[in-house]
Amino acid sequence: MIFWDGENMLPEQAENFKIYLKNYLIKLDYEYLLDEKTFNYDSVSDEFLDADIQAFYHLWIIAA
């Protein structure tokens, strides 16, 4: 099942990551990097569909 950002709630871990990433980029004044990014998420594979966001999500999970 795929959760689309804005249409359905993301699972808690994915939502926490989304909040973290947005806040982190805002603090660095790089929030514009997310302007054309979507947080489309596949709950079956626990992955974001955007490759860049997924790469950061993977690192975030490892570091947690």
PDB file of N, CA and C in Angstrom:
ATOM      1  N   MET A   1       0.843  -1.183   0.000  1.00  0.00           N
ATOM      2  CA  MET A   1       0.000   0.000   0.000  1.00  0.00           C
ATOM      3  C   MET A   1       0.885   1.241   0.000  1.00  0.00           C
ATOM      4  N   ILE A   2       0.519   2.229  -0.761  1.00  0.00           N
ATOM      5  CA  ILE A   2       1.291   3.467  -0.833  1.00  0.00           C
ATOM      6  C   ILE A   2       0.518   4.579  -0.137  1.00  0.00           C
ATOM      7  N   PHE A   3       1.203   5.290   0.722  1.00  0.00           N
ATOM      8  CA  PHE A   3       0.644   6.470   1.364  1.00  0.00           C
ATOM      9  C   PHE A   3       1.159   7.686   0.614  1.00  0.00           C
ATOM     10  N   TRP A   4       0.280   8.544   0.219  1.00  0.00           N
ATOM     11  CA  TRP A   4       0.693   9.773  -0.466  1.00  0.00           C
ATOM     12  C   TRP A   4       0.631  10.906   0.528  1.00  0.00           C
ATOM     13  N   ASP A   5       1.688  11.654   0.621  1.00  0.00           N
ATOM     14  CA  ASP A   5       1.767  12.793   1.529  1.00  0.00           C
ATOM     15  C   ASP A   5       0.608  13.747   1.269  1.00  0.00           C
ATOM     16  N   GLY A   6      -0.054  14.142   2.318  1.00  0.00           N
ATOM     17  CA  GLY A   6      -1.162  15.083   2.191  1.00  0.00           C
ATOM     18  C   GLY A   6      -2.506  14.404   2.025  1.00  0.00           C
ATOM     19  N   GLU A   7      -2.521  13.166   1.576  1.00  0.00           N
ATOM     20  CA  GLU A   7      -3.776  12.450   1.395  1.00  0.00           C
ATOM     21  C   GLU A   7      -4.033  11.475   2.534  1.00  0.00           C
ATOM     22  N   ASN A   8      -2.993  10.836   3.030  1.00  0.00           N
ATOM     23  CA  ASN A   8      -3.103   9.869   4.116  1.00  0.00           C
ATOM     24  C   ASN A   8      -2.000  10.138   5.129  1.00  0.00           C
ATOM     25  N   MET A   9      -2.194   9.617   6.296  1.00  0.00           N
ATOM     26  CA  MET A   9      -1.176   9.754   7.335  1.00  0.00           C
ATOM     27  C   MET A   9      -0.016   8.815   7.027  1.00  0.00           C
ATOM     28  N   LEU A  10       1.191   9.315   7.210  1.00  0.00           N
ATOM     29  CA  LEU A  10       2.372   8.467   7.098  1.00  0.00           C
ATOM     30  C   LEU A  10       2.507   7.648   8.375  1.00  0.00           C
ATOM     31  N   PRO A  11       3.134   6.467   8.301  1.00  0.00           N
ATOM     32  CA  PRO A  11       3.445   5.739   9.535  1.00  0.00           C
ATOM     33  C   PRO A  11       4.303   6.623  10.442  1.00  0.00           C
ATOM     34  N   GLU A  12       4.271   6.363  11.737  1.00  0.00           N
ATOM     35  CA  GLU A  12       4.920   7.243  12.710  1.00  0.00           C
ATOM     36  C   GLU A  12       6.400   7.484  12.403  1.00  0.00           C
ATOM     37  N   GLN A  13       7.156   6.433  12.108  1.00  0.00           N
ATOM     38  CA  GLN A  13       8.588   6.596  11.852  1.00  0.00           C
ATOM     39  C   GLN A  13       8.833   7.458  10.611  1.00  0.00           C
ATOM     40  N   ALA A  14       8.085   7.237   9.564  1.00  0.00           N
ATOM     41  CA  ALA A  14       8.237   8.022   8.339  1.00  0.00           C
ATOM     42  C   ALA A  14       7.826   9.474   8.570  1.00  0.00           C
ATOM     43  N   GLU A  15       6.780   9.688   9.338  1.00  0.00           N
ATOM     44  CA  GLU A  15       6.336  11.053   9.651  1.00  0.00           C
ATOM     45  C   GLU A  15       7.381  11.776  10.497  1.00  0.00           C
ATOM     46  N   ASN A  16       7.955  11.073  11.470  1.00  0.00           N
ATOM     47  CA  ASN A  16       9.010  11.676  12.292  1.00  0.00           C
ATOM     48  C   ASN A  16      10.210  12.075  11.435  1.00  0.00           C
ATOM     49  N   PHE A  17      10.559  11.249  10.474  1.00  0.00           N
ATOM     50  CA  PHE A  17      11.656  11.574   9.568  1.00  0.00           C
ATOM     51  C   PHE A  17      11.323  12.810   8.735  1.00  0.00           C
ATOM     52  N   LYS A  18      10.136  12.863   8.206  1.00  0.00           N
ATOM     53  CA  LYS A  18       9.714  14.006   7.384  1.00  0.00           C
ATOM     54  C   LYS A  18       9.820  15.301   8.191  1.00  0.00           C
ATOM     55  N   ILE A  19       9.341  15.288   9.414  1.00  0.00           N
ATOM     56  CA  ILE A  19       9.418  16.462  10.282  1.00  0.00           C
ATOM     57  C   ILE A  19      10.873  16.820  10.556  1.00  0.00           C
ATOM     58  N   TYR A  20      11.692  15.814  10.869  1.00  0.00           N
ATOM     59  CA  TYR A  20      13.110  16.050  11.139  1.00  0.00           C
ATOM     60  C   TYR A  20      13.791  16.684   9.933  1.00  0.00           C
ATOM     61  N   LEU A  21      13.601  16.108   8.758  1.00  0.00           N
ATOM     62  CA  LEU A  21      14.277  16.605   7.562  1.00  0.00           C
ATOM     63  C   LEU A  21      13.875  18.042   7.252  1.00  0.00           C
ATOM     64  N   LYS A  22      12.588  18.319   7.327  1.00  0.00           N
ATOM     65  CA  LYS A  22      12.127  19.689   7.059  1.00  0.00           C
ATOM     66  C   LYS A  22      12.721  20.673   8.060  1.00  0.00           C
ATOM     67  N   ASN A  23      12.696  20.333   9.339  1.00  0.00           N
ATOM     68  CA  ASN A  23      13.248  21.218  10.365  1.00  0.00           C
ATOM     69  C   ASN A  23      14.751  21.402  10.200  1.00  0.00           C
ATOM     70  N   TYR A  24      15.452  20.338   9.881  1.00  0.00           N
ATOM     71  CA  TYR A  24      16.896  20.401   9.685  1.00  0.00           C
ATOM     72  C   TYR A  24      17.252  21.338   8.527  1.00  0.00           C
ATOM     73  N   LEU A  25      16.556  21.187   7.420  1.00  0.00           N
ATOM     74  CA  LEU A  25      16.839  22.029   6.265  1.00  0.00           C
ATOM     75  C   LEU A  25      16.438  23.483   6.498  1.00  0.00           C
ATOM     76  N   ILE A  26      15.391  23.716   7.265  1.00  0.00           N
ATOM     77  CA  ILE A  26      14.989  25.087   7.600  1.00  0.00           C
ATOM     78  C   ILE A  26      16.081  25.754   8.429  1.00  0.00           C
ATOM     79  N   LYS A  27      16.638  25.038   9.394  1.00  0.00           N
ATOM     80  CA  LYS A  27      17.695  25.596  10.239  1.00  0.00           C
ATOM     81  C   LYS A  27      18.931  25.966   9.428  1.00  0.00           C
ATOM     82  N   LEU A  28      19.189  25.241   8.367  1.00  0.00           N
ATOM     83  CA  LEU A  28      20.353  25.505   7.524  1.00  0.00           C
ATOM     84  C   LEU A  28      20.039  26.444   6.360  1.00  0.00           C
ATOM     85  N   ASP A  29      18.806  26.928   6.295  1.00  0.00           N
ATOM     86  CA  ASP A  29      18.333  27.769   5.186  1.00  0.00           C
ATOM     87  C   ASP A  29      18.414  27.049   3.840  1.00  0.00           C
ATOM     88  N   TYR A  30      18.160  25.768   3.853  1.00  0.00           N
ATOM     89  CA  TYR A  30      18.147  24.973   2.623  1.00  0.00           C
ATOM     90  C   TYR A  30      16.772  24.347   2.361  1.00  0.00           C
ATOM     91  N   GLU A  31      15.729  24.904   2.957  1.00  0.00           N
ATOM     92  CA  GLU A  31      14.402  24.316   2.779  1.00  0.00           C
ATOM     93  C   GLU A  31      13.955  24.318   1.321  1.00  0.00           C
ATOM     94  N   TYR A  32      14.548  25.188   0.511  1.00  0.00           N
ATOM     95  CA  TYR A  32      14.208  25.229  -0.914  1.00  0.00           C
ATOM     96  C   TYR A  32      14.544  23.904  -1.616  1.00  0.00           C
ATOM     97  N   LEU A  33      15.427  23.104  -1.024  1.00  0.00           N
ATOM     98  CA  LEU A  33      15.774  21.812  -1.622  1.00  0.00           C
ATOM     99  C   LEU A  33      14.574  20.871  -1.684  1.00  0.00           C
ATOM    100  N   LEU A  34      13.566  21.137  -0.863  1.00  0.00           N
ATOM    101  CA  LEU A  34      12.369  20.295  -0.843  1.00  0.00           C
ATOM    102  C   LEU A  34      11.241  20.858  -1.701  1.00  0.00           C
ATOM    103  N   ASP A  35      11.481  21.987  -2.362  1.00  0.00           N
ATOM    104  CA  ASP A  35      10.421  22.640  -3.133  1.00  0.00           C
ATOM    105  C   ASP A  35       9.768  21.721  -4.159  1.00  0.00           C
ATOM    106  N   GLU A  36      10.546  20.933  -4.837  1.00  0.00           N
ATOM    107  CA  GLU A  36       9.994  20.064  -5.879  1.00  0.00           C
ATOM    108  C   GLU A  36       9.983  18.598  -5.474  1.00  0.00           C
ATOM    109  N   LYS A  37      10.193  18.339  -4.187  1.00  0.00           N
ATOM    110  CA  LYS A  37      10.214  16.962  -3.691  1.00  0.00           C
ATOM    111  C   LYS A  37       8.865  16.614  -3.083  1.00  0.00           C
ATOM    112  N   THR A  38       8.486  15.363  -3.222  1.00  0.00           N
ATOM    113  CA  THR A  38       7.277  14.868  -2.574  1.00  0.00           C
ATOM    114  C   THR A  38       7.675  13.748  -1.623  1.00  0.00           C
ATOM    115  N   PHE A  39       6.887  13.580  -0.606  1.00  0.00           N
ATOM    116  CA  PHE A  39       7.146  12.537   0.379  1.00  0.00           C
ATOM    117  C   PHE A  39       6.231  11.340   0.125  1.00  0.00           C
ATOM    118  N   ASN A  40       6.156  10.906  -1.124  1.00  0.00           N
ATOM    119  CA  ASN A  40       5.385   9.719  -1.455  1.00  0.00           C
ATOM    120  C   ASN A  40       6.083   8.516  -0.840  1.00  0.00           C
ATOM    121  N   TYR A  41       5.294   7.661  -0.201  1.00  0.00           N
ATOM    122  CA  TYR A  41       5.839   6.598   0.644  1.00  0.00           C
ATOM    123  C   TYR A  41       5.158   5.274   0.345  1.00  0.00           C
ATOM    124  N   ASP A  42       5.944   4.221   0.272  1.00  0.00           N
ATOM    125  CA  ASP A  42       5.435   2.864   0.087  1.00  0.00           C
ATOM    126  C   ASP A  42       5.594   2.124   1.406  1.00  0.00           C
ATOM    127  N   SER A  43       4.481   1.853   2.073  1.00  0.00           N
ATOM    128  CA  SER A  43       4.534   1.233   3.393  1.00  0.00           C
ATOM    129  C   SER A  43       4.928  -0.237   3.344  1.00  0.00           C
ATOM    130  N   VAL A  44       4.724  -0.885   2.222  1.00  0.00           N
ATOM    131  CA  VAL A  44       5.085  -2.301   2.106  1.00  0.00           C
ATOM    132  C   VAL A  44       6.598  -2.465   2.157  1.00  0.00           C
ATOM    133  N   SER A  45       7.314  -1.619   1.449  1.00  0.00           N
ATOM    134  CA  SER A  45       8.774  -1.713   1.429  1.00  0.00           C
ATOM    135  C   SER A  45       9.434  -0.734   2.403  1.00  0.00           C
ATOM    136  N   ASP A  46       8.636   0.060   3.127  1.00  0.00           N
ATOM    137  CA  ASP A  46       9.140   1.076   4.061  1.00  0.00           C
ATOM    138  C   ASP A  46      10.141   1.976   3.362  1.00  0.00           C
ATOM    139  N   GLU A  47       9.719   2.539   2.233  1.00  0.00           N
ATOM    140  CA  GLU A  47      10.595   3.397   1.436  1.00  0.00           C
ATOM    141  C   GLU A  47       9.830   4.598   0.888  1.00  0.00           C
ATOM    142  N   PHE A  48      10.547   5.702   0.801  1.00  0.00           N
ATOM    143  CA  PHE A  48      10.022   6.854   0.081  1.00  0.00           C
ATOM    144  C   PHE A  48      10.332   6.640  -1.401  1.00  0.00           C
ATOM    145  N   LEU A  49       9.447   7.076  -2.270  1.00  0.00           N
ATOM    146  CA  LEU A  49       9.610   6.835  -3.695  1.00  0.00           C
ATOM    147  C   LEU A  49      10.627   7.763  -4.338  1.00  0.00           C
ATOM    148  N   ASP A  50      10.855   8.920  -3.745  1.00  0.00           N
ATOM    149  CA  ASP A  50      11.883   9.835  -4.243  1.00  0.00           C
ATOM    150  C   ASP A  50      13.248   9.320  -3.781  1.00  0.00           C
ATOM    151  N   ALA A  51      14.160   9.099  -4.714  1.00  0.00           N
ATOM    152  CA  ALA A  51      15.463   8.498  -4.402  1.00  0.00           C
ATOM    153  C   ALA A  51      16.284   9.336  -3.423  1.00  0.00           C
ATOM    154  N   ASP A  52      16.249  10.655  -3.565  1.00  0.00           N
ATOM    155  CA  ASP A  52      17.013  11.517  -2.661  1.00  0.00           C
ATOM    156  C   ASP A  52      16.472  11.442  -1.239  1.00  0.00           C
ATOM    157  N   ILE A  53      15.166  11.533  -1.108  1.00  0.00           N
ATOM    158  CA  ILE A  53      14.553  11.446   0.222  1.00  0.00           C
ATOM    159  C   ILE A  53      14.795  10.070   0.820  1.00  0.00           C
ATOM    160  N   GLN A  54      14.697   9.027   0.011  1.00  0.00           N
ATOM    161  CA  GLN A  54      14.936   7.672   0.506  1.00  0.00           C
ATOM    162  C   GLN A  54      16.367   7.508   1.003  1.00  0.00           C
ATOM    163  N   ALA A  55      17.328   8.094   0.321  1.00  0.00           N
ATOM    164  CA  ALA A  55      18.725   7.992   0.754  1.00  0.00           C
ATOM    165  C   ALA A  55      18.894   8.612   2.134  1.00  0.00           C
ATOM    166  N   PHE A  56      18.308   9.788   2.364  1.00  0.00           N
ATOM    167  CA  PHE A  56      18.386  10.417   3.680  1.00  0.00           C
ATOM    168  C   PHE A  56      17.621   9.606   4.725  1.00  0.00           C
ATOM    169  N   TYR A  57      16.476   9.051   4.349  1.00  0.00           N
ATOM    170  CA  TYR A  57      15.675   8.226   5.257  1.00  0.00           C
ATOM    171  C   TYR A  57      16.472   7.006   5.691  1.00  0.00           C
ATOM    172  N   HIS A  58      17.141   6.365   4.768  1.00  0.00           N
ATOM    173  CA  HIS A  58      17.960   5.186   5.081  1.00  0.00           C
ATOM    174  C   HIS A  58      19.048   5.540   6.102  1.00  0.00           C
ATOM    175  N   LEU A  59      19.748   6.644   5.871  1.00  0.00           N
ATOM    176  CA  LEU A  59      20.790   7.070   6.804  1.00  0.00           C
ATOM    177  C   LEU A  59      20.191   7.429   8.169  1.00  0.00           C
ATOM    178  N   TRP A  60      19.047   8.059   8.165  1.00  0.00           N
ATOM    179  CA  TRP A  60      18.377   8.457   9.401  1.00  0.00           C
ATOM    180  C   TRP A  60      17.998   7.230  10.228  1.00  0.00           C
ATOM    181  N   ILE A  61      17.504   6.192   9.564  1.00  0.00           N
ATOM    182  CA  ILE A  61      17.134   4.959  10.263  1.00  0.00           C
ATOM    183  C   ILE A  61      18.362   4.297  10.879  1.00  0.00           C
ATOM    184  N   ILE A  62      19.452   4.260  10.128  1.00  0.00           N
ATOM    185  CA  ILE A  62      20.689   3.642  10.617  1.00  0.00           C
ATOM    186  C   ILE A  62      21.216   4.396  11.844  1.00  0.00           C
ATOM    187  N   ALA A  63      21.135   5.722  11.799  1.00  0.00           N
ATOM    188  CA  ALA A  63      21.671   6.545  12.881  1.00  0.00           C
ATOM    189  C   ALA A  63      20.788   6.511  14.123  1.00  0.00           C
ATOM    190  N   ALA A  64      19.529   6.159  13.956  1.00  0.00           N
ATOM    191  CA  ALA A  64      18.581   6.182  15.090  1.00  0.00           C
ATOM    192  C   ALA A  64      18.817   5.073  16.074  1.00  0.00           C
TER     193      ALA A  64
END
